[in-house]
């Protein structure tokens, strides 16, 4: 009985959608026949922000404050698609500062001077390059970097009738991480939502009696290639972009004598489909791979506080925390995307990994000259994930997806103060599986329904390996069944 609910919901949604779309024209065109043309898309955007504030308050308490902040950054994106290469590259950077000054004086002549300043800088880079030969074998590299540095300083000086106090606090964070992978495999996955848009454009012209003749599959592919090229063309004004896109599609229809009467209804149809008909992303193809992945994380945090009085709730301190984390894994996986028809999509993926991870941390208290160390190691670390599901897209504004996921792993943990002194700590096995259903139903221009349902069964088994544990405490198991349902019904009165 418990497994009937998700299936019932999916069948019910399918029946509702089928009623709404039963009169739509049947199309035999296969989205999987579409192959993207060569394209290169690049964009570079920079930004600058500035903020400022000044406040003066005079009553029984005198208060004035001043704040200043500014930041700047930029983002670079690059997409490349050719017969021999698929590549995505992103680069981002940013920097900023803030400053605040506040002076307060009460009617009892208590005075407080507060100062704070901070800064933050960050850098991100990611690239994925997949190189193909004529037989669809590929070699892939993947690298992502991120680095960030931030700090803040606060100080306060208080003068009262019988007491004076002053403190200064500093905090700095330096974070760096790198992830890299190399893979070999076979297969290629293409995005085909532009072919979906081409079919919807032509279908709507037929329904509106604005189409002169039947269209061949090759003409559908030609229109889809035009859509792809327009989508990856760089514009700096969204209004001019939409004008150029609709004009290009209309020119194609006229040049090939596909469109008949071109009136307001015709152009409204083009505009509506251009805005909605290539969502969500549809894909076609398969890709299998094996490879190696590695990661490295370095964090360094320093914090200090100095005060001229001893506050029990917030004493003086001067600490440095360092963290180093590394991992290396052998991985293998398979991805599969199949557009069964214009309205149905089948998706599947499975991946597995085997490797190890290490983490070492060190905290140094410079006031007491005390250093605390900790070392942890996962070996072996085994992971498995899988996902299988269907998508249903009856029109440009309604969709439903159903998928079943599995996530499992087994880890053996060793720990100690250092790598040389590590000992066995525990073994952990975990597994989680269950269905998920998402529905967005465009009932009418005024009424829309969105719903999500998940149900996951989780199992954990832990075995303690330390010798100083009681025998009865060495093994433990737990089972959880989590379910969630969210639904939103949106109605626009006017």
Protein backbone atom coordinates (compact mmCIF):
# COMPACT_ATOMS: atom_id res chain seq x y z
CA UNK A 1 0.00 0.00 0.00
CA UNK A 2 2.80 2.43 0.81
CA UNK A 3 4.27 2.19 -2.70
CA UNK A 4 0.89 2.78 -4.39
CA UNK A 5 0.69 6.49 -3.51
CA UNK A 6 3.55 7.78 -5.73
CA UNK A 7 2.39 5.67 -8.69
CA UNK A 8 -1.21 6.79 -8.22
CA UNK A 9 -0.18 10.45 -8.18
CA UNK A 10 1.81 10.04 -11.39
CA UNK A 11 -1.01 8.22 -13.19
CA UNK A 12 -3.53 10.81 -12.03
CA UNK A 13 -1.36 13.68 -13.32
CA UNK A 14 -0.86 11.85 -16.62
CA UNK A 15 -4.60 11.41 -17.09
CA UNK A 16 -5.24 15.10 -16.42
CA UNK A 17 -2.53 16.23 -18.82
CA UNK A 18 -3.71 13.79 -21.49
CA UNK A 19 -7.22 15.24 -21.43
CA UNK A 20 -5.85 18.73 -21.95
CA UNK A 21 -3.57 17.74 -24.84
CA UNK A 22 -5.61 15.05 -26.57
CA UNK A 23 -6.43 17.33 -29.49
CA UNK A 24 -2.84 18.34 -30.15
CA UNK A 25 -1.37 17.35 -33.47
CA UNK A 26 0.59 14.05 -33.39
CA UNK A 27 4.21 14.41 -34.47
CA UNK A 28 6.53 11.59 -35.52
CA UNK A 29 9.62 13.76 -35.47
CA UNK A 30 12.35 12.31 -33.23
CA UNK A 31 14.11 14.82 -31.00
CA UNK A 32 17.06 12.41 -30.80
CA UNK A 33 17.78 13.09 -34.50
CA UNK A 34 18.88 16.63 -33.66
CA UNK A 35 22.60 17.38 -33.43
CA UNK A 36 23.68 20.85 -32.35
CA UNK A 37 25.60 22.98 -34.84
CA UNK A 38 29.03 24.34 -33.99
CA UNK A 39 28.80 27.38 -31.77
CA UNK A 40 30.96 29.53 -29.52
CA UNK A 41 29.40 31.80 -26.92
CA UNK A 42 31.37 34.19 -24.71
CA UNK A 43 30.30 36.85 -22.22
CA UNK A 44 32.17 39.13 -19.87
CA UNK A 45 30.32 41.28 -17.34
CA UNK A 46 31.73 43.54 -14.66
CA UNK A 47 29.87 45.24 -11.83
CA UNK A 48 30.46 47.91 -9.21
CA UNK A 49 28.40 48.58 -6.05
CA UNK A 50 28.56 51.47 -3.62
CA UNK A 51 26.65 52.17 -0.40
CA UNK A 52 26.82 54.95 2.15
CA UNK A 53 24.87 55.99 5.21
CA UNK A 54 24.95 58.75 7.82
CA UNK A 55 22.63 59.10 10.83
CA UNK A 56 22.42 61.76 13.57
CA UNK A 57 20.08 61.32 16.55
CA UNK A 58 19.59 63.90 19.30
CA UNK A 59 17.26 63.42 22.29
CA UNK A 60 18.17 62.10 25.74
CA UNK A 61 20.81 60.06 23.92
CA UNK A 62 23.18 61.53 21.36
CA UNK A 63 23.98 59.08 18.60
CA UNK A 64 25.71 59.51 15.24
CA UNK A 65 26.84 56.83 12.85
CA UNK A 66 28.56 56.67 9.50
CA UNK A 67 28.89 53.70 7.14
CA UNK A 68 30.61 53.17 3.83
CA UNK A 69 30.81 50.12 1.61
CA UNK A 70 31.85 49.23 -1.91
CA UNK A 71 32.43 46.14 -4.02
CA UNK A 72 33.45 45.26 -7.57
CA UNK A 73 33.58 42.05 -9.53
CA UNK A 74 33.31 40.35 -12.87
CA UNK A 75 32.23 37.10 -14.53
CA UNK A 76 33.45 35.45 -17.72
CA UNK A 77 31.56 32.56 -19.39
CA UNK A 78 32.53 30.54 -22.43
CA UNK A 79 30.61 27.71 -24.13
CA UNK A 80 32.01 25.75 -27.08
CA UNK A 81 30.37 22.96 -29.05
CA UNK A 82 31.91 21.30 -32.10
CA UNK A 83 32.04 17.78 -33.49
CA UNK A 84 35.39 17.26 -31.77
CA UNK A 85 34.89 19.19 -28.54
CA UNK A 86 32.41 20.16 -25.84
CA UNK A 87 33.70 22.75 -23.35
CA UNK A 88 32.47 25.06 -20.62
CA UNK A 89 34.62 27.62 -18.81
CA UNK A 90 33.74 30.08 -16.08
CA UNK A 91 35.82 32.70 -14.31
CA UNK A 92 34.68 35.00 -11.53
CA UNK A 93 36.29 37.47 -9.16
CA UNK A 94 35.16 40.00 -6.63
CA UNK A 95 36.44 42.34 -3.93
CA UNK A 96 34.87 44.71 -1.49
CA UNK A 97 35.16 46.55 1.80
CA UNK A 98 32.91 48.05 4.46
CA UNK A 99 33.47 50.55 7.24
CA UNK A 100 31.30 51.68 10.16
CA UNK A 101 31.82 54.35 12.81
CA UNK A 102 29.36 54.98 15.65
CA UNK A 103 29.51 57.36 18.63
CA UNK A 104 26.94 57.27 21.44
CA UNK A 105 26.57 59.51 24.50
CA UNK A 106 23.84 59.15 27.12
CA UNK A 107 22.39 61.81 29.44
CA UNK A 108 24.61 60.37 32.22
CA UNK A 109 27.69 61.19 30.11
CA UNK A 110 28.39 57.53 29.31
CA UNK A 111 30.26 57.50 26.01
CA UNK A 112 30.80 54.64 23.57
CA UNK A 113 32.95 54.75 20.46
CA UNK A 114 32.57 51.79 18.12
CA UNK A 115 34.60 51.11 14.96
CA UNK A 116 34.43 48.22 12.52
CA UNK A 117 36.00 47.55 9.15
CA UNK A 118 36.13 44.54 6.89
CA UNK A 119 37.18 43.34 3.48
CA UNK A 120 36.55 40.30 1.29
CA UNK A 121 38.17 39.04 -1.90
CA UNK A 122 37.23 35.92 -3.86
CA UNK A 123 38.21 34.12 -7.03
CA UNK A 124 36.58 31.17 -8.82
CA UNK A 125 37.58 29.26 -11.92
CA UNK A 126 36.08 26.15 -13.48
CA UNK A 127 36.54 24.42 -16.79
CA UNK A 128 35.35 21.18 -18.32
CA UNK A 129 36.88 20.05 -21.62
CA UNK A 130 35.71 16.96 -23.49
CA UNK A 131 37.61 15.95 -26.67
CA UNK A 132 36.05 13.49 -29.15
CA UNK A 133 37.34 11.40 -32.02
CA UNK A 134 35.33 10.19 -35.00
CA UNK A 135 34.09 7.09 -33.13
CA UNK A 136 32.71 9.14 -30.21
CA UNK A 137 35.47 8.12 -27.81
CA UNK A 138 36.46 11.02 -25.58
CA UNK A 139 39.10 12.27 -23.21
CA UNK A 140 37.90 14.69 -20.56
CA UNK A 141 39.54 17.03 -18.08
CA UNK A 142 37.80 18.93 -15.32
CA UNK A 143 39.25 21.54 -12.97
CA UNK A 144 37.64 23.91 -10.48
CA UNK A 145 39.42 26.38 -8.21
CA UNK A 146 38.12 28.69 -5.54
CA UNK A 147 39.96 31.04 -3.24
CA UNK A 148 38.72 33.53 -0.73
CA UNK A 149 40.23 35.89 1.80
CA UNK A 150 38.22 37.95 4.26
CA UNK A 151 38.87 39.81 7.45
CA UNK A 152 37.23 42.18 9.88
CA UNK A 153 38.36 44.32 12.77
CA UNK A 154 36.21 45.71 15.59
CA UNK A 155 37.08 48.02 18.45
CA UNK A 156 35.06 49.66 21.20
CA UNK A 157 35.95 52.26 23.79
CA UNK A 158 33.57 52.84 26.68
CA UNK A 159 33.83 55.64 29.26
CA UNK A 160 31.38 55.68 32.15
CA UNK A 161 31.03 57.36 35.53
CA UNK A 162 33.02 54.76 37.40
CA UNK A 163 34.59 52.59 34.72
CA UNK A 164 36.49 52.66 31.46
CA UNK A 165 36.98 49.74 29.14
CA UNK A 166 38.42 49.04 25.73
CA UNK A 167 38.62 45.99 23.52
CA UNK A 168 39.81 45.09 20.03
CA UNK A 169 38.81 42.01 18.05
CA UNK A 170 40.27 40.68 14.78
CA UNK A 171 39.21 37.82 12.54
CA UNK A 172 40.76 36.55 9.27
CA UNK A 173 39.75 33.65 7.05
CA UNK A 174 41.79 32.28 4.16
CA UNK A 175 40.15 29.45 2.18
CA UNK A 176 41.39 27.58 -0.89
CA UNK A 177 40.10 24.50 -2.67
CA UNK A 178 40.84 22.67 -5.90
CA UNK A 179 39.03 19.77 -7.54
CA UNK A 180 40.35 18.00 -10.63
CA UNK A 181 39.48 14.96 -12.69
CA UNK A 182 40.58 13.12 -15.83
CA UNK A 183 38.30 10.66 -17.63
CA UNK A 184 38.11 8.48 -20.71
CA UNK A 185 34.90 7.12 -22.15
CA UNK A 186 32.52 6.84 -25.04
CA UNK A 187 29.29 8.53 -26.01
CA UNK A 188 27.92 12.01 -26.37
CA UNK A 189 24.89 13.76 -24.91
CA UNK A 190 23.33 16.64 -26.82
CA UNK A 191 20.76 19.21 -25.72
CA UNK A 192 17.70 18.94 -27.95
CA UNK A 193 15.22 21.44 -26.47
CA UNK A 194 15.73 23.69 -29.50
CA UNK A 195 14.32 20.92 -31.71
CA UNK A 196 11.38 20.75 -29.30
CA UNK A 197 10.82 24.48 -29.79
CA UNK A 198 10.93 24.08 -33.57
CA UNK A 199 8.19 21.43 -33.43
CA UNK A 200 6.02 23.56 -31.13
CA UNK A 201 6.42 26.58 -33.41
CA UNK A 202 5.28 24.61 -36.45
CA UNK A 203 2.47 22.84 -34.58
CA UNK A 204 1.00 26.11 -33.38
CA UNK A 205 1.06 27.54 -36.90
CA UNK A 206 -0.94 24.50 -37.99
CA UNK A 207 -3.47 24.92 -35.16
CA UNK A 208 -3.90 28.62 -36.00
CA UNK A 209 -4.28 27.91 -39.75
CA UNK A 210 -1.18 29.96 -40.47
CA UNK A 211 0.86 27.16 -42.07
CA UNK A 212 0.90 26.79 -45.86
CA UNK A 213 2.16 23.22 -46.14
CA UNK A 214 3.57 20.20 -44.37
CA UNK A 215 7.17 20.42 -43.23
CA UNK A 216 9.83 17.75 -43.68
CA UNK A 217 12.03 16.46 -40.87
CA UNK A 218 15.05 18.11 -42.49
CA UNK A 219 13.28 21.49 -42.36
CA UNK A 220 12.51 20.95 -38.68
CA UNK A 221 16.21 20.27 -38.08
CA UNK A 222 17.17 23.35 -40.08
CA UNK A 223 14.83 25.52 -37.99
CA UNK A 224 16.23 23.96 -34.80
CA UNK A 225 19.78 24.80 -35.88
CA UNK A 226 18.73 28.38 -36.51
CA UNK A 227 17.19 28.55 -33.01
CA UNK A 228 20.40 27.25 -31.44
CA UNK A 229 22.55 29.79 -33.27
CA UNK A 230 20.23 32.61 -32.18
CA UNK A 231 20.23 31.44 -28.55
CA UNK A 232 24.02 31.54 -28.43
CA UNK A 233 24.37 34.93 -30.11
CA UNK A 234 25.61 37.74 -27.86
CA UNK A 235 23.30 40.73 -27.32
CA UNK A 236 23.59 43.60 -24.84
CA UNK A 237 19.94 44.67 -24.85
CA UNK A 238 17.18 42.12 -24.15
CA UNK A 239 14.62 44.12 -26.14
CA UNK A 240 16.80 44.29 -29.24
CA UNK A 241 17.66 40.62 -28.77
CA UNK A 242 14.02 39.54 -28.85
CA UNK A 243 13.33 41.69 -31.93
CA UNK A 244 16.28 40.14 -33.78
CA UNK A 245 15.30 36.58 -32.79
CA UNK A 246 11.63 36.86 -33.83
CA UNK A 247 12.64 38.59 -37.06
CA UNK A 248 15.06 35.76 -37.91
CA UNK A 249 12.45 33.06 -37.26
CA UNK A 250 9.86 34.91 -39.36
CA UNK A 251 12.39 35.29 -42.18
CA UNK A 252 12.94 31.52 -42.14
CA UNK A 253 9.20 30.87 -42.32
CA UNK A 254 8.78 33.29 -45.23
CA UNK A 255 11.87 32.19 -47.17
CA UNK A 256 10.73 28.55 -47.05
CA UNK A 257 7.07 29.48 -47.74
CA UNK A 258 5.95 27.76 -44.53
CA UNK A 259 3.93 30.60 -43.02
CA UNK A 260 0.78 31.93 -44.63
CA UNK A 261 -1.06 34.86 -43.14
CA UNK A 262 1.24 36.95 -40.94
CA UNK A 263 -0.93 38.88 -38.56
CA UNK A 264 -0.93 39.68 -34.83
CA UNK A 265 -1.98 36.10 -33.98
CA UNK A 266 0.95 34.73 -36.01
CA UNK A 267 3.57 36.90 -34.33
CA UNK A 268 2.05 36.34 -30.88
CA UNK A 269 2.44 32.61 -31.45
CA UNK A 270 6.10 33.03 -32.43
CA UNK A 271 6.77 35.20 -29.39
CA UNK A 272 4.99 32.87 -26.95
CA UNK A 273 6.83 29.77 -28.13
CA UNK A 274 10.15 31.57 -28.17
CA UNK A 275 9.66 32.49 -24.51
CA UNK A 276 8.46 29.09 -23.23
CA UNK A 277 8.84 26.23 -25.72
CA UNK A 278 12.45 25.25 -25.06
CA UNK A 279 12.02 24.77 -21.31
CA UNK A 280 13.02 22.62 -19.55
CA UNK A 281 16.32 21.32 -20.92
CA UNK A 282 15.86 18.13 -22.96
CA UNK A 283 18.83 15.89 -23.71
CA UNK A 284 19.57 12.91 -25.92
CA UNK A 285 22.38 10.36 -25.95
CA UNK A 286 24.54 8.38 -23.58
CA UNK A 287 27.97 8.71 -22.01
CA UNK A 288 30.03 6.10 -20.16
CA UNK A 289 33.30 6.92 -18.44
CA UNK A 290 36.04 5.86 -16.03
CA UNK A 291 38.57 8.18 -14.44
CA UNK A 292 40.41 9.62 -11.49
CA UNK A 293 39.31 12.49 -9.26
CA UNK A 294 41.21 14.41 -6.61
CA UNK A 295 40.56 17.32 -4.31
CA UNK A 296 42.52 19.53 -1.93
CA UNK A 297 41.22 22.03 0.62
CA UNK A 298 43.34 24.42 2.70
CA UNK A 299 41.76 26.67 5.34
CA UNK A 300 43.51 29.04 7.73
CA UNK A 301 41.58 31.03 10.34
CA UNK A 302 43.07 33.46 12.84
CA UNK A 303 41.09 35.22 15.55
CA UNK A 304 42.11 37.35 18.51
CA UNK A 305 40.63 39.57 21.17
CA UNK A 306 42.37 41.96 23.55
CA UNK A 307 40.68 43.80 26.39
CA UNK A 308 41.84 45.85 29.34
CA UNK A 309 39.38 44.06 31.67
CA UNK A 310 38.80 40.35 32.26
CA UNK A 311 35.34 39.44 31.00
CA UNK A 312 34.31 35.93 31.97
CA UNK A 313 31.73 35.67 29.18
CA UNK A 314 34.16 36.81 26.49
CA UNK A 315 37.79 36.43 27.58
CA UNK A 316 40.92 37.33 25.67
CA UNK A 317 42.08 34.84 23.07
CA UNK A 318 44.56 34.49 20.22
CA UNK A 319 43.94 31.39 18.11
CA UNK A 320 45.03 29.96 14.78
CA UNK A 321 43.08 27.12 13.15
CA UNK A 322 44.47 25.22 10.18
CA UNK A 323 42.66 22.56 8.16
CA UNK A 324 43.96 20.39 5.33
CA UNK A 325 41.69 17.97 3.48
CA UNK A 326 42.65 15.72 0.55
CA UNK A 327 40.89 13.00 -1.40
CA UNK A 328 41.59 10.70 -4.33
CA UNK A 329 39.08 8.40 -6.03
CA UNK A 330 38.71 6.03 -8.94
CA UNK A 331 35.30 6.64 -10.50
CA UNK A 332 33.10 5.08 -13.17
CA UNK A 333 29.70 6.05 -14.43
CA UNK A 334 27.07 5.91 -17.12
CA UNK A 335 24.51 8.56 -18.15
CA UNK A 336 21.55 7.98 -20.45
CA UNK A 337 19.02 10.47 -21.86
CA UNK A 338 16.29 9.41 -24.28
CA UNK A 339 13.48 11.62 -25.65
CA UNK A 340 10.87 8.89 -26.16
CA UNK A 341 8.63 11.39 -27.93
CA UNK A 342 7.93 15.10 -28.00
CA UNK A 343 6.17 14.78 -24.65
CA UNK A 344 8.08 11.99 -22.86
CA UNK A 345 11.69 11.78 -21.64
CA UNK A 346 13.55 8.88 -20.03
CA UNK A 347 16.68 9.49 -17.93
CA UNK A 348 19.08 7.25 -16.05
CA UNK A 349 22.48 7.54 -14.41
CA UNK A 350 24.69 5.36 -12.26
CA UNK A 351 28.10 6.18 -10.78
CA UNK A 352 30.50 4.50 -8.36
CA UNK A 353 33.69 5.57 -6.63
CA UNK A 354 36.48 3.96 -4.66
CA UNK A 355 39.24 5.81 -2.86
CA UNK A 356 40.36 7.54 0.26
CA UNK A 357 40.14 10.89 2.05
CA UNK A 358 42.33 12.48 4.72
CA UNK A 359 41.78 15.43 7.01
CA UNK A 360 44.15 17.01 9.47
CA UNK A 361 43.46 19.98 11.71
CA UNK A 362 45.60 21.98 14.10
CA UNK A 363 44.49 24.62 16.58
CA UNK A 364 47.11 26.74 18.29
CA UNK A 365 46.38 28.92 21.31
CA UNK A 366 49.17 31.47 21.30
CA UNK A 367 48.25 32.83 24.72
CA UNK A 368 48.91 29.50 26.43
CA UNK A 369 51.27 28.12 23.78
CA UNK A 370 49.05 25.04 23.52
CA UNK A 371 48.60 23.14 20.23
CA UNK A 372 45.81 20.63 19.60
CA UNK A 373 46.00 18.28 16.62
CA UNK A 374 43.57 15.83 15.05
CA UNK A 375 43.89 13.47 12.09
CA UNK A 376 41.15 11.48 10.34
CA UNK A 377 41.35 9.08 7.40
CA UNK A 378 38.67 7.31 5.39
CA UNK A 379 39.99 4.17 3.70
CA UNK A 380 38.45 2.50 1.94
CA UNK A 381 35.68 4.90 0.97
CA UNK A 382 33.14 3.37 -1.41
CA UNK A 383 30.15 5.20 -2.90
CA UNK A 384 27.32 4.30 -5.25
CA UNK A 385 24.56 6.49 -6.69
CA UNK A 386 21.84 5.78 -9.22
CA UNK A 387 18.82 7.58 -10.62
CA UNK A 388 16.10 6.43 -13.00
CA UNK A 389 13.07 8.40 -14.06
CA UNK A 390 10.66 9.83 -16.61
CA UNK A 391 9.63 13.31 -17.59
CA UNK A 392 6.28 14.29 -19.11
CA UNK A 393 5.99 17.58 -21.02
CA UNK A 394 2.54 17.84 -22.65
CA UNK A 395 2.85 21.52 -23.60
CA UNK A 396 5.06 24.55 -23.11
CA UNK A 397 3.76 25.37 -19.62
CA UNK A 398 2.98 22.04 -17.95
CA UNK A 399 5.32 19.27 -16.89
CA UNK A 400 5.71 16.34 -14.50
CA UNK A 401 8.73 14.23 -13.53
CA UNK A 402 9.08 10.95 -11.67
CA UNK A 403 12.38 9.46 -10.57
CA UNK A 404 13.73 6.81 -8.23
CA UNK A 405 17.09 7.45 -6.58
CA UNK A 406 19.61 5.32 -4.70
CA UNK A 407 22.57 6.53 -2.66
CA UNK A 408 24.81 4.12 -0.75
CA UNK A 409 28.31 3.98 0.68
CA UNK A 410 30.70 2.22 3.01
CA UNK A 411 33.53 3.93 4.90
CA UNK A 412 36.18 2.85 7.37
CA UNK A 413 37.38 5.67 9.62
CA UNK A 414 40.76 5.88 11.37
CA UNK A 415 41.72 8.78 13.61
CA UNK A 416 44.43 10.04 15.94
CA UNK A 417 46.54 13.07 16.70
CA UNK A 418 48.77 12.43 13.68
CA UNK A 419 48.93 10.07 10.72
CA UNK A 420 51.56 7.97 12.52
CA UNK A 421 49.41 7.53 15.64
CA UNK A 422 46.06 6.85 13.93
CA UNK A 423 43.98 3.86 15.03
CA UNK A 424 40.81 2.22 13.77
CA UNK A 425 37.71 4.08 14.91
CA UNK A 426 34.57 2.81 13.16
CA UNK A 427 32.95 1.37 10.05
CA UNK A 428 29.83 2.90 8.56
CA UNK A 429 27.42 1.62 5.92
CA UNK A 430 24.51 3.74 4.73
CA UNK A 431 21.85 3.47 2.03
CA UNK A 432 18.98 5.70 0.97
CA UNK A 433 16.40 5.03 -1.71
CA UNK A 434 12.96 6.21 -2.75
CA UNK A 435 10.83 8.02 -5.31
CA UNK A 436 10.32 11.67 -6.09
CA UNK A 437 7.50 13.33 -8.05
CA UNK A 438 7.30 16.95 -9.23
CA UNK A 439 4.33 18.49 -11.04
CA UNK A 440 3.70 21.95 -12.46
CA UNK A 441 0.22 22.18 -13.98
CA UNK A 442 -0.85 25.26 -15.92
CA UNK A 443 -4.61 24.82 -15.42
CA UNK A 444 -5.54 28.21 -16.88
CA UNK A 445 -4.00 31.68 -17.26
CA UNK A 446 -5.34 32.45 -13.78
CA UNK A 447 -4.81 29.10 -12.02
CA UNK A 448 -1.56 27.12 -11.62
CA UNK A 449 -0.64 24.14 -9.44
CA UNK A 450 2.84 23.14 -8.28
CA UNK A 451 3.48 20.03 -6.15
CA UNK A 452 6.48 18.00 -4.98
CA UNK A 453 6.44 14.62 -3.24
CA UNK A 454 9.46 12.68 -1.91
CA UNK A 455 9.70 9.44 0.04
CA UNK A 456 13.08 8.08 1.11
CA UNK A 457 13.97 5.04 3.20
CA UNK A 458 17.36 5.36 4.93
CA UNK A 459 19.41 2.68 6.66
CA UNK A 460 22.59 3.18 8.73
CA UNK A 461 24.86 0.52 10.22
CA UNK A 462 27.82 1.47 12.39
CA UNK A 463 30.44 -0.76 13.98
CA UNK A 464 32.84 0.72 16.51
CA UNK A 465 36.42 -0.52 16.23
CA UNK A 466 38.03 1.12 19.27
CA UNK A 467 39.05 -1.42 21.92
CA UNK A 468 37.94 0.68 24.90
CA UNK A 469 34.26 0.48 24.00
CA UNK A 470 31.93 -1.94 25.74
CA UNK A 471 31.05 -4.94 23.63
CA UNK A 472 27.34 -4.05 23.69
CA UNK A 473 28.10 -0.64 22.22
CA UNK A 474 30.15 -1.83 19.28
CA UNK A 475 27.28 -2.16 16.76
CA UNK A 476 24.26 0.03 16.08
CA UNK A 477 21.65 0.29 13.34
CA UNK A 478 18.98 2.84 12.53
CA UNK A 479 16.22 3.03 9.94
CA UNK A 480 14.33 6.13 8.88
CA UNK A 481 11.48 6.73 6.49
CA UNK A 482 11.16 10.37 5.49
CA UNK A 483 8.30 11.69 3.40
CA UNK A 484 7.53 15.19 2.26
CA UNK A 485 4.70 16.75 0.30
CA UNK A 486 4.46 20.39 -0.70
CA UNK A 487 1.81 21.91 -2.93
CA UNK A 488 1.00 25.42 -4.07
CA UNK A 489 -2.17 26.55 -5.80
CA UNK A 490 -1.87 30.03 -7.26
CA UNK A 491 -4.95 31.91 -8.45
CA UNK A 492 -4.84 35.43 -9.88
CA UNK A 493 -8.11 37.25 -9.10
CA UNK A 494 -7.37 40.17 -11.42
